Amino acid sequence: MEPQARTHRETHREGTSPSGVMALPPVARTVVAVVLGAVAVFVAVHLTAVFLHVAPSNTVSRQYGEAVEEYVYPEFEQNWKLFAPNPLQQNIAVHARAEVLRPDGTTERTGWVDLSAMDAEGIRGNPFPSHTEQNELRRAWDFFTGSHDAENRPNGLRGELSEEYLRRIVMLRFGPELNGGEVRRVQVRSATTPVAPPPWSGESIDTETTYRTLPWWAVDRSDVPEGK
């Protein structure tokens, strides 16, 4: 008797060729494996760093806290104020003005300059805005308010450091010379405006802007970051 004809399934199995990654040449398969391994390592490191950042203080986070913060800030900062139960309900802008010494010995005070609006203008319409424009001024003001009391008095060394940081940012924006004279003093204030509730909420709040004005700070050319 003649052997029975092989089934269609068996014929198809014998004719099946490798597909997907296995169909690639050996060198290409090696490259794909290396890339996938690198991605897996990056994801593992990223998740570990973010976990240590948001987790309660522990032995590992205390030992590697500085490295974790350098990785997380500012791109992966976890700001829970964006979520319930206490979302941000205020717009806070930082303003600054300067006292200028003219060559003839007279002094002039400039008007208030909205530094936050300058940053917003650089961000608006830009698909890849600078992290400096997004975070530098905002974080500096948060740093200042978090290390000072309601009377603008510093709480220890961090308070003094926050003043220096904010002062240098203002001088970076103004420069050592302004309006034909040398900048001798600067003053900073915040303008806080509550966000109006939506019409359907039925809520009624005061949306008047309030200001927190800091003392005048003496400055000179050493307060301008090097190379600026």
N, C-alpha and C. Protein backbone atom coordinates (compact mmCIF):
# COMPACT_ATOMS: atom_id res chain seq x y z
N MET A 1 0.84 -1.20 0.00
CA MET A 1 0.00 0.00 0.00
C MET A 1 0.87 1.25 0.00
N GLU A 2 0.42 2.23 -0.69
CA GLU A 2 1.16 3.49 -0.72
C GLU A 2 0.95 4.23 0.59
N PRO A 3 2.02 4.91 1.04
CA PRO A 3 1.85 5.70 2.27
C PRO A 3 0.72 6.71 2.11
N GLN A 4 0.01 6.87 3.19
CA GLN A 4 -1.08 7.85 3.15
C GLN A 4 -0.52 9.26 2.95
N ALA A 5 -1.26 10.08 2.26
CA ALA A 5 -0.84 11.46 2.03
C ALA A 5 -0.76 12.22 3.35
N ARG A 6 0.27 13.01 3.50
CA ARG A 6 0.40 13.80 4.72
C ARG A 6 -0.71 14.82 4.81
N THR A 7 -1.10 15.08 6.02
CA THR A 7 -2.20 16.05 6.23
C THR A 7 -1.74 17.44 5.84
N HIS A 8 -2.70 18.33 5.62
CA HIS A 8 -2.40 19.72 5.27
C HIS A 8 -1.67 20.43 6.41
N ARG A 9 -2.02 20.06 7.67
CA ARG A 9 -1.39 20.70 8.83
C ARG A 9 0.09 20.35 8.88
N GLU A 10 0.43 19.06 8.62
CA GLU A 10 1.83 18.66 8.66
C GLU A 10 2.62 19.32 7.56
N THR A 11 2.03 19.40 6.38
CA THR A 11 2.71 20.06 5.26
C THR A 11 2.97 21.53 5.57
N HIS A 12 1.98 22.18 6.17
CA HIS A 12 2.13 23.60 6.49
C HIS A 12 3.20 23.81 7.56
N ARG A 13 3.27 22.86 8.56
CA ARG A 13 4.25 23.00 9.61
C ARG A 13 5.67 22.90 9.06
N GLU A 14 5.88 22.01 8.15
CA GLU A 14 7.21 21.83 7.58
C GLU A 14 7.63 23.04 6.75
N GLY A 15 6.67 23.71 6.21
CA GLY A 15 7.00 24.85 5.35
C GLY A 15 7.03 26.17 6.08
N THR A 16 6.79 26.15 7.39
CA THR A 16 6.77 27.40 8.16
C THR A 16 8.18 27.94 8.34
N SER A 17 8.37 29.24 8.10
CA SER A 17 9.68 29.88 8.27
C SER A 17 9.65 30.75 9.51
N PRO A 18 10.82 31.03 10.11
CA PRO A 18 10.87 31.87 11.31
C PRO A 18 10.25 33.24 11.05
N SER A 19 9.63 33.79 12.06
CA SER A 19 9.02 35.11 11.93
C SER A 19 9.43 35.98 13.10
N GLY A 20 9.11 37.27 13.02
CA GLY A 20 9.42 38.19 14.10
C GLY A 20 10.91 38.37 14.26
N VAL A 21 11.36 38.47 15.51
CA VAL A 21 12.77 38.70 15.80
C VAL A 21 13.63 37.55 15.30
N MET A 22 13.10 36.32 15.39
CA MET A 22 13.89 35.16 14.98
C MET A 22 14.19 35.15 13.49
N ALA A 23 13.45 35.92 12.72
CA ALA A 23 13.69 35.99 11.29
C ALA A 23 14.84 36.92 10.94
N LEU A 24 15.31 37.71 11.92
CA LEU A 24 16.39 38.65 11.68
C LEU A 24 17.73 37.93 11.65
N PRO A 25 18.71 38.53 11.00
CA PRO A 25 20.07 37.97 11.03
C PRO A 25 20.60 37.95 12.46
N PRO A 26 21.60 37.11 12.78
CA PRO A 26 22.13 37.02 14.15
C PRO A 26 22.59 38.35 14.71
N VAL A 27 23.27 39.17 13.90
CA VAL A 27 23.74 40.46 14.41
C VAL A 27 22.57 41.36 14.79
N ALA A 28 21.52 41.39 13.97
CA ALA A 28 20.35 42.21 14.27
C ALA A 28 19.64 41.72 15.52
N ARG A 29 19.56 40.40 15.71
CA ARG A 29 18.94 39.86 16.92
C ARG A 29 19.73 40.28 18.15
N THR A 30 21.05 40.30 18.03
CA THR A 30 21.88 40.73 19.16
C THR A 30 21.62 42.19 19.51
N VAL A 31 21.52 43.04 18.48
CA VAL A 31 21.25 44.47 18.71
C VAL A 31 19.90 44.66 19.38
N VAL A 32 18.89 43.94 18.90
CA VAL A 32 17.55 44.06 19.49
C VAL A 32 17.59 43.63 20.96
N ALA A 33 18.29 42.54 21.24
CA ALA A 33 18.38 42.05 22.62
C ALA A 33 19.06 43.07 23.52
N VAL A 34 20.14 43.70 23.03
CA VAL A 34 20.85 44.71 23.81
C VAL A 34 19.96 45.92 24.09
N VAL A 35 19.24 46.38 23.06
CA VAL A 35 18.35 47.54 23.22
C VAL A 35 17.25 47.23 24.22
N LEU A 36 16.63 46.06 24.10
CA LEU A 36 15.56 45.70 25.04
C LEU A 36 16.10 45.59 26.46
N GLY A 37 17.32 45.06 26.60
CA GLY A 37 17.91 44.98 27.92
C GLY A 37 18.18 46.35 28.52
N ALA A 38 18.67 47.29 27.67
CA ALA A 38 18.93 48.65 28.16
C ALA A 38 17.65 49.34 28.57
N VAL A 39 16.58 49.16 27.79
CA VAL A 39 15.28 49.76 28.13
C VAL A 39 14.77 49.19 29.45
N ALA A 40 14.91 47.88 29.63
CA ALA A 40 14.45 47.26 30.87
C ALA A 40 15.21 47.79 32.07
N VAL A 41 16.54 47.98 31.91
CA VAL A 41 17.34 48.51 33.01
C VAL A 41 16.93 49.94 33.34
N PHE A 42 16.71 50.76 32.28
CA PHE A 42 16.31 52.15 32.50
C PHE A 42 14.97 52.22 33.22
N VAL A 43 14.00 51.41 32.79
CA VAL A 43 12.68 51.42 33.43
C VAL A 43 12.80 51.01 34.90
N ALA A 44 13.63 50.00 35.16
CA ALA A 44 13.80 49.54 36.54
C ALA A 44 14.43 50.63 37.40
N VAL A 45 15.46 51.31 36.87
CA VAL A 45 16.11 52.38 37.63
C VAL A 45 15.14 53.54 37.86
N HIS A 46 14.39 53.90 36.82
CA HIS A 46 13.44 55.01 36.93
C HIS A 46 12.38 54.72 37.99
N LEU A 47 11.78 53.53 37.92
CA LEU A 47 10.74 53.20 38.89
C LEU A 47 11.30 53.13 40.31
N THR A 48 12.51 52.63 40.44
CA THR A 48 13.12 52.56 41.77
C THR A 48 13.38 53.95 42.33
N ALA A 49 13.90 54.87 41.50
CA ALA A 49 14.19 56.23 41.96
C ALA A 49 12.91 56.96 42.36
N VAL A 50 11.87 56.84 41.53
CA VAL A 50 10.60 57.52 41.85
C VAL A 50 9.98 56.92 43.11
N PHE A 51 10.08 55.59 43.25
CA PHE A 51 9.54 54.95 44.45
C PHE A 51 10.25 55.44 45.70
N LEU A 52 11.59 55.52 45.65
CA LEU A 52 12.34 55.98 46.81
C LEU A 52 12.02 57.44 47.12
N HIS A 53 11.70 58.21 46.06
CA HIS A 53 11.39 59.63 46.26
C HIS A 53 10.07 59.82 47.00
N VAL A 54 9.06 59.02 46.65
CA VAL A 54 7.73 59.21 47.24
C VAL A 54 7.50 58.33 48.46
N ALA A 55 8.34 57.33 48.67
CA ALA A 55 8.15 56.42 49.80
C ALA A 55 8.58 57.09 51.10
N PRO A 56 8.07 56.61 52.22
CA PRO A 56 8.54 57.13 53.53
C PRO A 56 10.03 56.93 53.69
N SER A 57 10.65 57.77 54.51
CA SER A 57 12.09 57.70 54.71
C SER A 57 12.50 56.31 55.19
N ASN A 58 13.55 55.76 54.58
CA ASN A 58 14.04 54.45 54.97
C ASN A 58 15.55 54.43 54.80
N THR A 59 16.17 53.30 55.12
CA THR A 59 17.63 53.21 55.08
C THR A 59 18.17 53.49 53.68
N VAL A 60 17.53 52.92 52.66
CA VAL A 60 18.02 53.09 51.29
C VAL A 60 17.84 54.53 50.82
N SER A 61 16.67 55.11 51.06
CA SER A 61 16.42 56.49 50.61
C SER A 61 17.33 57.48 51.31
N ARG A 62 17.67 57.22 52.59
CA ARG A 62 18.59 58.11 53.29
C ARG A 62 20.01 58.00 52.75
N GLN A 63 20.41 56.81 52.37
CA GLN A 63 21.76 56.60 51.86
C GLN A 63 21.94 57.17 50.47
N TYR A 64 20.92 57.05 49.65
CA TYR A 64 21.02 57.51 48.26
C TYR A 64 20.10 58.69 47.97
N GLY A 65 19.71 59.41 49.02
CA GLY A 65 18.76 60.51 48.85
C GLY A 65 19.22 61.59 47.90
N GLU A 66 20.50 61.96 47.98
CA GLU A 66 21.01 63.03 47.11
C GLU A 66 20.96 62.61 45.64
N ALA A 67 21.36 61.38 45.35
CA ALA A 67 21.34 60.90 43.96
C ALA A 67 19.91 60.81 43.45
N VAL A 68 18.98 60.38 44.30
CA VAL A 68 17.58 60.27 43.89
C VAL A 68 17.01 61.64 43.57
N GLU A 69 17.29 62.65 44.40
CA GLU A 69 16.77 63.99 44.15
C GLU A 69 17.35 64.58 42.86
N GLU A 70 18.64 64.34 42.61
CA GLU A 70 19.24 64.85 41.38
C GLU A 70 18.59 64.24 40.14
N TYR A 71 18.15 62.99 40.27
CA TYR A 71 17.49 62.33 39.13
C TYR A 71 16.04 62.80 38.97
N VAL A 72 15.34 62.91 40.09
CA VAL A 72 13.91 63.20 40.04
C VAL A 72 13.63 64.64 39.65
N TYR A 73 14.37 65.61 40.24
CA TYR A 73 14.08 67.02 39.99
C TYR A 73 14.80 67.52 38.75
N PRO A 74 14.15 68.39 37.92
CA PRO A 74 12.75 68.79 38.07
C PRO A 74 11.80 67.99 37.19
N GLU A 75 12.36 67.14 36.28
CA GLU A 75 11.53 66.50 35.28
C GLU A 75 10.46 65.58 35.86
N PHE A 76 10.80 64.84 36.93
CA PHE A 76 9.89 63.83 37.45
C PHE A 76 9.36 64.18 38.83
N GLU A 77 9.29 65.46 39.11
CA GLU A 77 8.81 65.89 40.43
C GLU A 77 7.38 65.43 40.66
N GLN A 78 7.11 64.96 41.86
CA GLN A 78 5.77 64.50 42.22
C GLN A 78 5.09 65.59 43.04
N ASN A 79 4.21 66.34 42.39
CA ASN A 79 3.51 67.43 43.08
C ASN A 79 2.06 67.01 43.28
N TRP A 80 1.75 66.54 44.50
CA TRP A 80 0.41 66.01 44.75
C TRP A 80 -0.64 67.11 44.86
N LYS A 81 -0.22 68.38 44.81
CA LYS A 81 -1.20 69.46 44.86
C LYS A 81 -2.03 69.53 43.57
N LEU A 82 -1.61 68.80 42.54
CA LEU A 82 -2.38 68.77 41.30
C LEU A 82 -3.64 67.91 41.45
N PHE A 83 -3.70 67.11 42.51
CA PHE A 83 -4.77 66.15 42.66
C PHE A 83 -5.61 66.45 43.90
N ALA A 84 -6.75 65.78 43.99
CA ALA A 84 -7.59 65.91 45.17
C ALA A 84 -6.84 65.36 46.37
N PRO A 85 -7.13 65.83 47.60
CA PRO A 85 -8.26 66.71 47.90
C PRO A 85 -7.92 68.19 47.89
N ASN A 86 -6.66 68.57 47.63
CA ASN A 86 -6.29 69.99 47.72
C ASN A 86 -5.57 70.46 46.45
N PRO A 87 -6.28 70.54 45.33
CA PRO A 87 -5.63 71.04 44.12
C PRO A 87 -5.30 72.52 44.24
N LEU A 88 -4.33 72.96 43.47
CA LEU A 88 -3.96 74.38 43.50
C LEU A 88 -5.14 75.24 43.06
N GLN A 89 -5.40 76.30 43.79
CA GLN A 89 -6.53 77.18 43.48
C GLN A 89 -6.10 78.63 43.42
N GLN A 90 -4.79 78.85 43.18
CA GLN A 90 -4.27 80.21 43.11
C GLN A 90 -3.26 80.31 41.98
N ASN A 91 -3.20 81.47 41.38
CA ASN A 91 -2.14 81.81 40.45
C ASN A 91 -1.16 82.74 41.18
N ILE A 92 0.10 82.33 41.24
CA ILE A 92 1.12 83.12 41.94
C ILE A 92 2.17 83.58 40.94
N ALA A 93 2.33 84.88 40.84
CA ALA A 93 3.33 85.48 39.96
C ALA A 93 4.39 86.17 40.80
N VAL A 94 5.62 86.15 40.31
CA VAL A 94 6.73 86.80 41.01
C VAL A 94 7.14 88.05 40.24
N HIS A 95 7.15 89.19 40.92
CA HIS A 95 7.53 90.47 40.33
C HIS A 95 8.84 90.95 40.96
N ALA A 96 9.54 91.82 40.25
CA ALA A 96 10.77 92.40 40.81
C ALA A 96 10.94 93.81 40.25
N ARG A 97 11.63 94.64 41.01
CA ARG A 97 12.01 95.97 40.55
C ARG A 97 13.40 96.29 41.06
N ALA A 98 14.01 97.32 40.48
CA ALA A 98 15.40 97.64 40.83
C ALA A 98 15.56 99.12 41.16
N GLU A 99 16.57 99.40 41.96
CA GLU A 99 17.00 100.77 42.21
C GLU A 99 18.33 100.97 41.49
N VAL A 100 18.35 101.94 40.61
CA VAL A 100 19.49 102.13 39.69
C VAL A 100 20.23 103.43 40.05
N LEU A 101 21.57 103.35 40.10
CA LEU A 101 22.41 104.52 40.32
C LEU A 101 22.93 105.01 38.98
N ARG A 102 22.56 106.25 38.63
CA ARG A 102 22.97 106.82 37.35
C ARG A 102 24.37 107.45 37.45
N PRO A 103 25.03 107.67 36.32
CA PRO A 103 26.37 108.27 36.32
C PRO A 103 26.44 109.63 36.99
N ASP A 104 25.33 110.39 36.97
CA ASP A 104 25.34 111.71 37.60
C ASP A 104 25.09 111.66 39.10
N GLY A 105 24.98 110.47 39.65
CA GLY A 105 24.80 110.33 41.09
C GLY A 105 23.36 110.23 41.54
N THR A 106 22.41 110.40 40.65
CA THR A 106 21.00 110.28 41.02
C THR A 106 20.57 108.82 40.97
N THR A 107 19.49 108.53 41.68
CA THR A 107 18.96 107.17 41.70
C THR A 107 17.55 107.15 41.11
N GLU A 108 17.20 106.00 40.57
CA GLU A 108 15.87 105.82 39.97
C GLU A 108 15.36 104.43 40.34
N ARG A 109 14.09 104.36 40.64
CA ARG A 109 13.45 103.08 40.88
C ARG A 109 12.61 102.69 39.67
N THR A 110 12.84 101.49 39.20
CA THR A 110 12.07 101.03 38.05
C THR A 110 10.68 100.59 38.50
N GLY A 111 9.81 100.37 37.54
CA GLY A 111 8.50 99.80 37.86
C GLY A 111 8.62 98.29 38.09
N TRP A 112 7.54 97.70 38.57
CA TRP A 112 7.53 96.27 38.80
C TRP A 112 7.54 95.52 37.47
N VAL A 113 8.39 94.52 37.39
CA VAL A 113 8.49 93.67 36.20
C VAL A 113 7.95 92.29 36.55
N ASP A 114 7.00 91.80 35.75
CA ASP A 114 6.40 90.49 35.99
C ASP A 114 7.32 89.41 35.42
N LEU A 115 8.18 88.84 36.27
CA LEU A 115 9.13 87.82 35.82
C LEU A 115 8.42 86.53 35.41
N SER A 116 7.33 86.20 36.10
CA SER A 116 6.57 85.00 35.76
C SER A 116 5.95 85.12 34.37
N ALA A 117 5.50 86.32 34.03
CA ALA A 117 4.92 86.52 32.70
C ALA A 117 5.98 86.36 31.61
N MET A 118 7.21 86.77 31.92
CA MET A 118 8.30 86.59 30.96
C MET A 118 8.54 85.10 30.70
N ASP A 119 8.52 84.30 31.75
CA ASP A 119 8.69 82.85 31.59
C ASP A 119 7.52 82.26 30.81
N ALA A 120 6.30 82.69 31.13
CA ALA A 120 5.12 82.17 30.45
C ALA A 120 5.16 82.47 28.97
N GLU A 121 5.67 83.65 28.62
CA GLU A 121 5.77 84.03 27.21
C GLU A 121 6.75 83.12 26.48
N GLY A 122 7.83 82.71 27.17
CA GLY A 122 8.78 81.81 26.54
C GLY A 122 8.26 80.40 26.40
N ILE A 123 7.28 80.02 27.23
CA ILE A 123 6.71 78.67 27.20
C ILE A 123 5.56 78.58 26.21
N ARG A 124 4.76 79.63 26.13
CA ARG A 124 3.53 79.59 25.35
C ARG A 124 3.83 79.32 23.87
N GLY A 125 3.22 78.28 23.33
CA GLY A 125 3.39 77.94 21.93
C GLY A 125 4.66 77.17 21.63
N ASN A 126 5.46 76.90 22.64
CA ASN A 126 6.72 76.17 22.44
C ASN A 126 6.51 74.71 22.81
N PRO A 127 6.62 73.78 21.85
CA PRO A 127 6.39 72.36 22.17
C PRO A 127 7.47 71.76 23.06
N PHE A 128 8.64 72.40 23.11
CA PHE A 128 9.74 71.91 23.95
C PHE A 128 10.29 73.06 24.80
N PRO A 129 9.50 73.53 25.77
CA PRO A 129 9.94 74.68 26.58
C PRO A 129 11.11 74.32 27.47
N SER A 130 11.90 75.32 27.79
CA SER A 130 13.05 75.14 28.67
C SER A 130 12.59 74.82 30.09
N HIS A 131 13.29 73.89 30.74
CA HIS A 131 12.97 73.60 32.13
C HIS A 131 13.29 74.79 33.03
N THR A 132 14.23 75.63 32.60
CA THR A 132 14.53 76.84 33.36
C THR A 132 13.33 77.76 33.37
N GLU A 133 12.71 77.95 32.21
CA GLU A 133 11.54 78.81 32.13
C GLU A 133 10.36 78.22 32.90
N GLN A 134 10.26 76.91 32.95
CA GLN A 134 9.14 76.29 33.64
C GLN A 134 9.32 76.24 35.15
N ASN A 135 10.55 76.04 35.61
CA ASN A 135 10.72 75.68 37.02
C ASN A 135 11.62 76.59 37.85
N GLU A 136 12.58 77.28 37.23
CA GLU A 136 13.59 77.99 38.02
C GLU A 136 12.97 79.00 38.97
N LEU A 137 12.19 79.93 38.45
CA LEU A 137 11.62 80.99 39.28
C LEU A 137 10.59 80.43 40.25
N ARG A 138 9.76 79.52 39.79
CA ARG A 138 8.73 78.94 40.65
C ARG A 138 9.35 78.21 41.83
N ARG A 139 10.37 77.39 41.55
CA ARG A 139 11.00 76.64 42.63
C ARG A 139 11.75 77.57 43.58
N ALA A 140 12.35 78.64 43.04
CA ALA A 140 13.06 79.59 43.89
C ALA A 140 12.09 80.26 44.86
N TRP A 141 10.90 80.63 44.38
CA TRP A 141 9.93 81.27 45.27
C TRP A 141 9.40 80.28 46.31
N ASP A 142 9.14 79.05 45.90
CA ASP A 142 8.72 78.02 46.86
C ASP A 142 9.80 77.79 47.91
N PHE A 143 11.05 77.80 47.47
CA PHE A 143 12.18 77.61 48.39
C PHE A 143 12.21 78.75 49.40
N PHE A 144 11.99 79.98 48.93
CA PHE A 144 12.02 81.14 49.83
C PHE A 144 10.88 81.08 50.85
N THR A 145 9.66 80.89 50.37
CA THR A 145 8.52 80.89 51.29
C THR A 145 8.58 79.72 52.27
N GLY A 146 9.18 78.60 51.84
CA GLY A 146 9.28 77.46 52.73
C GLY A 146 10.34 77.59 53.80
N SER A 147 11.24 78.57 53.64
CA SER A 147 12.32 78.74 54.61
C SER A 147 12.27 80.10 55.29
N HIS A 148 11.11 80.78 55.21
CA HIS A 148 10.92 82.07 55.88
C HIS A 148 9.57 82.08 56.59
N ASP A 149 9.48 82.91 57.62
CA ASP A 149 8.19 83.03 58.31
C ASP A 149 7.34 84.10 57.62
N ALA A 150 6.20 84.40 58.21
CA ALA A 150 5.27 85.36 57.60
C ALA A 150 5.82 86.76 57.56
N GLU A 151 6.84 87.05 58.40
CA GLU A 151 7.46 88.37 58.42
C GLU A 151 8.71 88.41 57.54
N ASN A 152 8.88 87.40 56.69
CA ASN A 152 10.02 87.31 55.76
C ASN A 152 11.36 87.18 56.47
N ARG A 153 11.34 86.60 57.67
CA ARG A 153 12.58 86.37 58.41
C ARG A 153 13.06 84.95 58.13
N PRO A 154 14.34 84.77 57.80
CA PRO A 154 14.85 83.44 57.44
C PRO A 154 14.89 82.49 58.63
N ASN A 155 14.64 81.23 58.33
CA ASN A 155 14.74 80.19 59.35
C ASN A 155 16.04 79.43 59.16
N GLY A 156 17.12 79.94 59.71
CA GLY A 156 18.40 79.25 59.62
C GLY A 156 19.12 79.46 58.30
N LEU A 157 20.09 78.57 58.03
CA LEU A 157 20.96 78.74 56.87
C LEU A 157 20.20 78.57 55.55
N ARG A 158 19.21 77.70 55.52
CA ARG A 158 18.46 77.50 54.28
C ARG A 158 17.72 78.78 53.90
N GLY A 159 17.28 79.54 54.89
CA GLY A 159 16.63 80.80 54.58
C GLY A 159 17.57 81.78 53.92
N GLU A 160 18.79 81.87 54.44
CA GLU A 160 19.77 82.76 53.83
C GLU A 160 20.15 82.30 52.43
N LEU A 161 20.24 80.99 52.24
CA LEU A 161 20.57 80.44 50.92
C LEU A 161 19.46 80.74 49.93
N SER A 162 18.20 80.65 50.37
CA SER A 162 17.08 80.92 49.46
C SER A 162 17.06 82.38 49.04
N GLU A 163 17.43 83.29 49.96
CA GLU A 163 17.50 84.70 49.60
C GLU A 163 18.56 84.93 48.51
N GLU A 164 19.72 84.34 48.71
CA GLU A 164 20.80 84.49 47.74
C GLU A 164 20.39 83.93 46.38
N TYR A 165 19.73 82.78 46.39
CA TYR A 165 19.31 82.14 45.15
C TYR A 165 18.30 83.03 44.41
N LEU A 166 17.30 83.53 45.12
CA LEU A 166 16.29 84.37 44.49
C LEU A 166 16.89 85.68 44.00
N ARG A 167 17.79 86.25 44.77
CA ARG A 167 18.44 87.50 44.38
C ARG A 167 19.26 87.32 43.09
N ARG A 168 19.95 86.21 42.98
CA ARG A 168 20.76 85.96 41.79
C ARG A 168 19.89 85.73 40.55
N ILE A 169 18.72 85.13 40.74
CA ILE A 169 17.81 84.94 39.60
C ILE A 169 17.33 86.30 39.10
N VAL A 170 16.97 87.19 40.03
CA VAL A 170 16.53 88.53 39.63
C VAL A 170 17.64 89.26 38.89
N MET A 171 18.87 89.19 39.40
CA MET A 171 19.98 89.86 38.75
C MET A 171 20.29 89.24 37.39
N LEU A 172 20.04 87.95 37.26
CA LEU A 172 20.23 87.30 35.97
C LEU A 172 19.25 87.86 34.95
N ARG A 173 18.04 88.18 35.39
CA ARG A 173 17.03 88.75 34.49
C ARG A 173 17.30 90.22 34.18
N PHE A 174 17.72 90.97 35.20
CA PHE A 174 17.93 92.41 35.01
C PHE A 174 19.30 92.73 34.42
N GLY A 175 20.33 92.01 34.87
CA GLY A 175 21.69 92.35 34.49
C GLY A 175 22.27 93.38 35.44
N PRO A 176 23.60 93.60 35.40
CA PRO A 176 24.23 94.56 36.32
C PRO A 176 23.89 96.01 36.01
N GLU A 177 23.48 96.28 34.78
CA GLU A 177 23.11 97.65 34.38
C GLU A 177 21.71 97.64 33.79
N LEU A 178 20.96 98.69 34.14
CA LEU A 178 19.57 98.78 33.70
C LEU A 178 19.17 100.24 33.57
N ASN A 179 18.48 100.56 32.48
CA ASN A 179 17.99 101.93 32.25
C ASN A 179 19.11 102.97 32.34
N GLY A 180 20.29 102.63 31.84
CA GLY A 180 21.39 103.58 31.80
C GLY A 180 22.12 103.79 33.11
N GLY A 181 21.93 102.89 34.08
CA GLY A 181 22.62 103.02 35.36
C GLY A 181 22.97 101.66 35.93
N GLU A 182 23.64 101.66 37.07
CA GLU A 182 24.07 100.43 37.71
C GLU A 182 23.05 99.99 38.75
N VAL A 183 22.65 98.72 38.70
CA VAL A 183 21.68 98.19 39.65
C VAL A 183 22.34 98.06 41.01
N ARG A 184 21.78 98.75 42.02
CA ARG A 184 22.33 98.73 43.37
C ARG A 184 21.45 97.95 44.36
N ARG A 185 20.13 97.95 44.14
CA ARG A 185 19.23 97.23 45.03
C ARG A 185 18.10 96.63 44.20
N VAL A 186 17.57 95.52 44.70
CA VAL A 186 16.41 94.91 44.05
C VAL A 186 15.38 94.56 45.12
N GLN A 187 14.13 94.50 44.69
CA GLN A 187 13.03 94.13 45.58
C GLN A 187 12.13 93.15 44.85
N VAL A 188 11.62 92.18 45.59
CA VAL A 188 10.79 91.12 45.01
C VAL A 188 9.45 91.09 45.73
N ARG A 189 8.41 90.75 45.00
CA ARG A 189 7.11 90.55 45.61
C ARG A 189 6.37 89.44 44.85
N SER A 190 5.39 88.86 45.51
CA SER A 190 4.53 87.88 44.85
C SER A 190 3.14 88.48 44.72
N ALA A 191 2.46 88.09 43.64
CA ALA A 191 1.08 88.52 43.41
C ALA A 191 0.23 87.25 43.35
N THR A 192 -0.64 87.08 44.34
CA THR A 192 -1.45 85.87 44.44
C THR A 192 -2.89 86.19 44.08
N THR A 193 -3.41 85.50 43.07
CA THR A 193 -4.78 85.72 42.61
C THR A 193 -5.56 84.41 42.68
N PRO A 194 -6.59 84.34 43.51
CA PRO A 194 -7.40 83.12 43.57
C PRO A 194 -8.06 82.83 42.23
N VAL A 195 -8.15 81.55 41.90
CA VAL A 195 -8.80 81.13 40.66
C VAL A 195 -10.31 81.13 40.87
N ALA A 196 -11.02 81.81 39.99
CA ALA A 196 -12.48 81.88 40.13
C ALA A 196 -13.11 80.51 39.92
N PRO A 197 -14.10 80.15 40.71
CA PRO A 197 -14.77 78.85 40.53
C PRO A 197 -15.59 78.85 39.25
N PRO A 198 -15.89 77.69 38.71
CA PRO A 198 -16.72 77.63 37.50
C PRO A 198 -18.14 78.11 37.79
N PRO A 199 -18.81 78.65 36.78
CA PRO A 199 -20.15 79.22 37.01
C PRO A 199 -21.14 78.21 37.59
N TRP A 200 -21.00 76.93 37.19
CA TRP A 200 -21.99 75.94 37.64
C TRP A 200 -21.81 75.53 39.10
N SER A 201 -20.68 75.93 39.72
CA SER A 201 -20.42 75.47 41.09
C SER A 201 -21.28 76.19 42.13
N GLY A 202 -21.71 77.41 41.81
CA GLY A 202 -22.49 78.17 42.78
C GLY A 202 -21.64 78.80 43.86
N GLU A 203 -20.31 78.63 43.81
CA GLU A 203 -19.42 79.21 44.83
C GLU A 203 -19.16 80.68 44.52
N SER A 204 -18.81 81.42 45.54
CA SER A 204 -18.47 82.82 45.38
C SER A 204 -17.25 83.11 46.25
N ILE A 205 -16.14 83.49 45.61
CA ILE A 205 -14.92 83.81 46.36
C ILE A 205 -14.37 85.14 45.87
N ASP A 206 -13.54 85.74 46.72
CA ASP A 206 -12.89 87.01 46.39
C ASP A 206 -11.67 86.72 45.51
N THR A 207 -11.67 87.23 44.29
CA THR A 207 -10.57 87.00 43.36
C THR A 207 -9.59 88.17 43.30
N GLU A 208 -9.63 89.03 44.30
CA GLU A 208 -8.72 90.17 44.32
C GLU A 208 -7.28 89.70 44.56
N THR A 209 -6.35 90.31 43.86
CA THR A 209 -4.94 89.95 43.98
C THR A 209 -4.35 90.53 45.26
N THR A 210 -3.61 89.69 45.99
CA THR A 210 -2.90 90.15 47.19
C THR A 210 -1.40 90.04 46.95
N TYR A 211 -0.63 90.87 47.65
CA TYR A 211 0.80 90.94 47.42
C TYR A 211 1.58 90.64 48.70
N ARG A 212 2.71 89.99 48.52
CA ARG A 212 3.68 89.79 49.60
C ARG A 212 4.98 90.44 49.15
N THR A 213 5.34 91.55 49.76
CA THR A 213 6.49 92.33 49.32
C THR A 213 7.67 92.10 50.26
N LEU A 214 8.81 91.77 49.69
CA LEU A 214 10.02 91.51 50.47
C LEU A 214 10.82 92.80 50.64
N PRO A 215 11.76 92.82 51.57
CA PRO A 215 12.59 94.02 51.76
C PRO A 215 13.51 94.24 50.56
N TRP A 216 14.06 95.44 50.49
CA TRP A 216 15.07 95.73 49.47
C TRP A 216 16.35 94.97 49.80
N TRP A 217 16.99 94.42 48.77
CA TRP A 217 18.26 93.73 48.94
C TRP A 217 19.35 94.47 48.18
N ALA A 218 20.46 94.75 48.86
CA ALA A 218 21.61 95.37 48.20
C ALA A 218 22.28 94.33 47.30
N VAL A 219 22.66 94.75 46.09
CA VAL A 219 23.29 93.85 45.13
C VAL A 219 24.47 94.56 44.47
N ASP A 220 25.32 93.76 43.83
CA ASP A 220 26.40 94.30 43.01
C ASP A 220 26.69 93.30 41.90
N ARG A 221 27.76 93.51 41.17
CA ARG A 221 28.05 92.65 40.03
C ARG A 221 28.35 91.21 40.43
N SER A 222 28.75 91.00 41.68
CA SER A 222 29.03 89.63 42.12
C SER A 222 27.76 88.79 42.23
N ASP A 223 26.61 89.46 42.23
CA ASP A 223 25.33 88.72 42.30
C ASP A 223 24.86 88.26 40.94
N VAL A 224 25.56 88.63 39.89
CA VAL A 224 25.22 88.15 38.55
C VAL A 224 25.98 86.86 38.31
N PRO A 225 25.29 85.76 37.98
CA PRO A 225 25.99 84.49 37.75
C PRO A 225 27.10 84.65 36.73
N GLU A 226 28.20 83.95 36.95
CA GLU A 226 29.36 84.06 36.07
C GLU A 226 29.01 83.67 34.64
N GLY A 227 29.56 84.40 33.71
CA GLY A 227 29.34 84.11 32.30
C GLY A 227 28.06 84.69 31.75
N LYS A 228 27.32 85.45 32.58
CA LYS A 228 26.05 86.04 32.11
C LYS A 228 26.23 87.52 31.88
